[in-house]
Amino acid sequence: MARRWTPRRFVTLRRIRVAICAAAVTLASVGMFAVTARKTVALTVNGETKTVVTYATSVPRLLQEQASKPNLTISSTPPTTGLG
């Protein structure tokens, strides 16, 4: 026999559904942030081009990750893709 619908059971099930939806939205948001935070950058250091994948949010942070010396001539440009 099926369980009867009572106001208390209805509220409990609704809270469970809301909690599951909130958890799903949170996981989707974190997942999308992790995917979009990754960047590919082409660095030219002393005439030598190097492609680097990083999660850094700024150029100084990227250079700190790469442990570059500050007296080097460095230019950074986005890598070219074959889409254009």
N, C-alpha and C. Protein backbone atom coordinates (compact mmCIF):
# COMPACT_ATOMS: atom_id res chain seq x y z
N MET A 1 0.84 -1.17 0.00
CA MET A 1 0.00 0.00 0.00
C MET A 1 0.89 1.24 0.00
N ALA A 2 0.52 2.22 -0.77
CA ALA A 2 1.31 3.44 -0.90
C ALA A 2 1.18 4.27 0.37
N ARG A 3 2.23 5.01 0.65
CA ARG A 3 2.20 5.89 1.82
C ARG A 3 1.29 7.07 1.55
N ARG A 4 0.65 7.54 2.55
CA ARG A 4 -0.29 8.65 2.40
C ARG A 4 0.48 9.97 2.37
N TRP A 5 -0.09 10.93 1.66
CA TRP A 5 0.50 12.26 1.60
C TRP A 5 -0.01 13.07 2.78
N THR A 6 0.92 13.43 3.63
CA THR A 6 0.58 14.30 4.75
C THR A 6 1.33 15.60 4.57
N PRO A 7 0.88 16.68 5.19
CA PRO A 7 1.59 17.96 5.06
C PRO A 7 3.05 17.87 5.51
N ARG A 8 3.30 17.13 6.57
CA ARG A 8 4.67 17.00 7.08
C ARG A 8 5.55 16.27 6.07
N ARG A 9 5.05 15.19 5.49
CA ARG A 9 5.82 14.43 4.50
C ARG A 9 6.04 15.27 3.25
N PHE A 10 5.03 16.02 2.82
CA PHE A 10 5.14 16.89 1.66
C PHE A 10 6.26 17.92 1.87
N VAL A 11 6.29 18.56 3.03
CA VAL A 11 7.32 19.57 3.34
C VAL A 11 8.69 18.93 3.39
N THR A 12 8.79 17.75 3.98
CA THR A 12 10.09 17.06 4.07
C THR A 12 10.61 16.71 2.68
N LEU A 13 9.77 16.18 1.82
CA LEU A 13 10.20 15.83 0.46
C LEU A 13 10.56 17.07 -0.34
N ARG A 14 9.83 18.16 -0.14
CA ARG A 14 10.15 19.40 -0.83
C ARG A 14 11.52 19.92 -0.39
N ARG A 15 11.81 19.85 0.90
CA ARG A 15 13.13 20.28 1.40
C ARG A 15 14.25 19.43 0.81
N ILE A 16 14.00 18.15 0.69
CA ILE A 16 15.01 17.25 0.10
C ILE A 16 15.24 17.63 -1.36
N ARG A 17 14.17 17.88 -2.13
CA ARG A 17 14.30 18.28 -3.53
C ARG A 17 15.06 19.60 -3.67
N VAL A 18 14.76 20.56 -2.80
CA VAL A 18 15.44 21.84 -2.85
C VAL A 18 16.93 21.67 -2.53
N ALA A 19 17.25 20.84 -1.54
CA ALA A 19 18.66 20.61 -1.18
C ALA A 19 19.41 19.93 -2.33
N ILE A 20 18.78 18.97 -2.98
CA ILE A 20 19.42 18.28 -4.11
C ILE A 20 19.65 19.26 -5.27
N CYS A 21 18.66 20.10 -5.55
CA CYS A 21 18.81 21.09 -6.63
C CYS A 21 19.91 22.10 -6.29
N ALA A 22 19.99 22.55 -5.06
CA ALA A 22 21.04 23.48 -4.65
C ALA A 22 22.41 22.85 -4.78
N ALA A 23 22.53 21.59 -4.38
CA ALA A 23 23.81 20.89 -4.51
C ALA A 23 24.20 20.72 -5.98
N ALA A 24 23.23 20.41 -6.83
CA ALA A 24 23.51 20.24 -8.26
C ALA A 24 23.97 21.55 -8.89
N VAL A 25 23.31 22.66 -8.54
CA VAL A 25 23.70 23.96 -9.08
C VAL A 25 25.10 24.34 -8.59
N THR A 26 25.39 24.08 -7.33
CA THR A 26 26.72 24.38 -6.79
C THR A 26 27.79 23.56 -7.50
N LEU A 27 27.56 22.28 -7.68
CA LEU A 27 28.54 21.44 -8.37
C LEU A 27 28.73 21.87 -9.83
N ALA A 28 27.65 22.23 -10.50
CA ALA A 28 27.77 22.69 -11.88
C ALA A 28 28.55 24.00 -11.95
N SER A 29 28.32 24.90 -11.01
CA SER A 29 29.04 26.17 -11.00
C SER A 29 30.53 25.97 -10.76
N VAL A 30 30.87 25.14 -9.80
CA VAL A 30 32.28 24.86 -9.51
C VAL A 30 32.93 24.18 -10.70
N GLY A 31 32.23 23.25 -11.32
CA GLY A 31 32.77 22.56 -12.50
C GLY A 31 33.02 23.50 -13.66
N MET A 32 32.10 24.40 -13.93
CA MET A 32 32.28 25.35 -15.02
C MET A 32 33.42 26.33 -14.72
N PHE A 33 33.54 26.74 -13.47
CA PHE A 33 34.65 27.62 -13.10
C PHE A 33 35.98 26.92 -13.32
N ALA A 34 36.07 25.67 -12.92
CA ALA A 34 37.32 24.92 -13.09
C ALA A 34 37.67 24.76 -14.56
N VAL A 35 36.68 24.56 -15.40
CA VAL A 35 36.93 24.38 -16.83
C VAL A 35 37.34 25.70 -17.49
N THR A 36 36.66 26.79 -17.13
CA THR A 36 36.93 28.07 -17.80
C THR A 36 38.10 28.83 -17.21
N ALA A 37 38.57 28.46 -16.03
CA ALA A 37 39.69 29.17 -15.41
C ALA A 37 41.02 28.79 -16.06
N ARG A 38 41.08 27.69 -16.75
CA ARG A 38 42.31 27.22 -17.37
C ARG A 38 42.57 28.02 -18.66
N LYS A 39 43.79 28.53 -18.79
CA LYS A 39 44.14 29.35 -19.94
C LYS A 39 45.40 28.81 -20.61
N THR A 40 45.50 28.99 -21.92
CA THR A 40 46.70 28.66 -22.67
C THR A 40 47.30 29.98 -23.15
N VAL A 41 48.57 30.20 -22.82
CA VAL A 41 49.25 31.46 -23.14
C VAL A 41 50.55 31.14 -23.84
N ALA A 42 50.90 31.94 -24.86
CA ALA A 42 52.17 31.81 -25.54
C ALA A 42 53.12 32.87 -24.98
N LEU A 43 54.21 32.46 -24.37
CA LEU A 43 55.20 33.38 -23.82
C LEU A 43 56.41 33.41 -24.74
N THR A 44 56.93 34.61 -24.99
CA THR A 44 58.17 34.75 -25.74
C THR A 44 59.21 35.28 -24.77
N VAL A 45 60.19 34.45 -24.46
CA VAL A 45 61.24 34.81 -23.51
C VAL A 45 62.57 34.76 -24.26
N ASN A 46 63.22 35.94 -24.38
CA ASN A 46 64.51 36.04 -25.08
C ASN A 46 64.43 35.46 -26.49
N GLY A 47 63.33 35.71 -27.18
CA GLY A 47 63.17 35.25 -28.55
C GLY A 47 62.68 33.82 -28.69
N GLU A 48 62.53 33.10 -27.59
CA GLU A 48 62.09 31.71 -27.63
C GLU A 48 60.63 31.64 -27.18
N THR A 49 59.75 31.12 -28.05
CA THR A 49 58.33 31.05 -27.74
C THR A 49 58.02 29.74 -27.03
N LYS A 50 57.22 29.86 -25.97
CA LYS A 50 56.85 28.69 -25.17
C LYS A 50 55.36 28.79 -24.88
N THR A 51 54.60 27.73 -25.14
CA THR A 51 53.17 27.69 -24.84
C THR A 51 52.99 27.10 -23.45
N VAL A 52 52.21 27.82 -22.62
CA VAL A 52 52.03 27.44 -21.22
C VAL A 52 50.55 27.34 -20.92
N VAL A 53 50.15 26.32 -20.18
CA VAL A 53 48.78 26.18 -19.70
C VAL A 53 48.80 26.54 -18.22
N THR A 54 47.89 27.45 -17.81
CA THR A 54 47.92 27.95 -16.44
C THR A 54 46.53 28.25 -15.93
N TYR A 55 46.42 28.35 -14.61
CA TYR A 55 45.20 28.81 -13.95
C TYR A 55 45.42 30.20 -13.36
N ALA A 56 46.54 30.83 -13.64
CA ALA A 56 46.86 32.15 -13.10
C ALA A 56 45.87 33.18 -13.61
N THR A 57 45.56 34.18 -12.75
CA THR A 57 44.60 35.21 -13.14
C THR A 57 45.27 36.47 -13.65
N SER A 58 46.58 36.57 -13.55
CA SER A 58 47.29 37.75 -14.03
C SER A 58 48.65 37.34 -14.58
N VAL A 59 49.24 38.25 -15.37
CA VAL A 59 50.55 37.97 -15.97
C VAL A 59 51.64 37.86 -14.89
N PRO A 60 51.70 38.75 -13.90
CA PRO A 60 52.73 38.57 -12.87
C PRO A 60 52.63 37.23 -12.13
N ARG A 61 51.39 36.78 -11.92
CA ARG A 61 51.20 35.49 -11.25
C ARG A 61 51.69 34.34 -12.15
N LEU A 62 51.43 34.46 -13.45
CA LEU A 62 51.91 33.46 -14.40
C LEU A 62 53.43 33.41 -14.39
N LEU A 63 54.06 34.57 -14.42
CA LEU A 63 55.51 34.61 -14.42
C LEU A 63 56.07 34.07 -13.11
N GLN A 64 55.38 34.31 -12.02
CA GLN A 64 55.81 33.76 -10.73
C GLN A 64 55.72 32.24 -10.75
N GLU A 65 54.66 31.71 -11.34
CA GLU A 65 54.52 30.26 -11.48
C GLU A 65 55.64 29.67 -12.32
N GLN A 66 56.03 30.39 -13.38
CA GLN A 66 57.06 29.91 -14.28
C GLN A 66 58.46 30.16 -13.74
N ALA A 67 58.56 30.89 -12.63
CA ALA A 67 59.84 31.22 -12.00
C ALA A 67 60.76 31.93 -12.98
N SER A 68 60.20 32.88 -13.74
CA SER A 68 60.99 33.65 -14.69
C SER A 68 61.79 34.71 -13.96
N LYS A 69 62.93 35.06 -14.52
CA LYS A 69 63.76 36.11 -13.95
C LYS A 69 63.19 37.46 -14.38
N PRO A 70 63.14 38.45 -13.49
CA PRO A 70 62.49 39.72 -13.83
C PRO A 70 63.26 40.56 -14.84
N ASN A 71 64.52 40.30 -15.11
CA ASN A 71 65.29 41.13 -16.04
C ASN A 71 65.21 40.63 -17.48
N LEU A 72 64.40 39.63 -17.76
CA LEU A 72 64.25 39.12 -19.11
C LEU A 72 63.24 39.96 -19.88
N THR A 73 63.40 40.02 -21.19
CA THR A 73 62.43 40.69 -22.04
C THR A 73 61.32 39.70 -22.36
N ILE A 74 60.10 40.01 -21.91
CA ILE A 74 58.99 39.08 -22.03
C ILE A 74 57.82 39.77 -22.68
N SER A 75 57.20 39.11 -23.66
CA SER A 75 55.94 39.60 -24.22
C SER A 75 54.97 38.43 -24.23
N SER A 76 53.74 38.71 -23.92
CA SER A 76 52.74 37.64 -23.92
C SER A 76 51.62 37.98 -24.89
N THR A 77 51.22 37.00 -25.69
CA THR A 77 50.13 37.16 -26.64
C THR A 77 49.28 35.91 -26.59
N PRO A 78 47.99 36.03 -26.89
CA PRO A 78 47.18 34.82 -26.94
C PRO A 78 47.62 33.95 -28.11
N PRO A 79 47.59 32.65 -27.95
CA PRO A 79 48.01 31.77 -29.04
C PRO A 79 47.04 31.87 -30.21
N THR A 80 47.54 31.68 -31.41
CA THR A 80 46.68 31.70 -32.58
C THR A 80 46.04 30.34 -32.76
N THR A 81 44.80 30.35 -33.17
CA THR A 81 44.10 29.09 -33.43
C THR A 81 43.72 29.05 -34.90
N GLY A 82 43.49 27.90 -35.41
CA GLY A 82 43.14 27.74 -36.81
C GLY A 82 41.69 27.98 -37.11
N LEU A 83 40.96 28.66 -36.22
CA LEU A 83 39.53 28.86 -36.41
C LEU A 83 39.21 30.08 -37.26
N GLY A 84 40.12 31.05 -37.35
CA GLY A 84 39.80 32.31 -38.03
C GLY A 84 40.17 32.28 -39.43
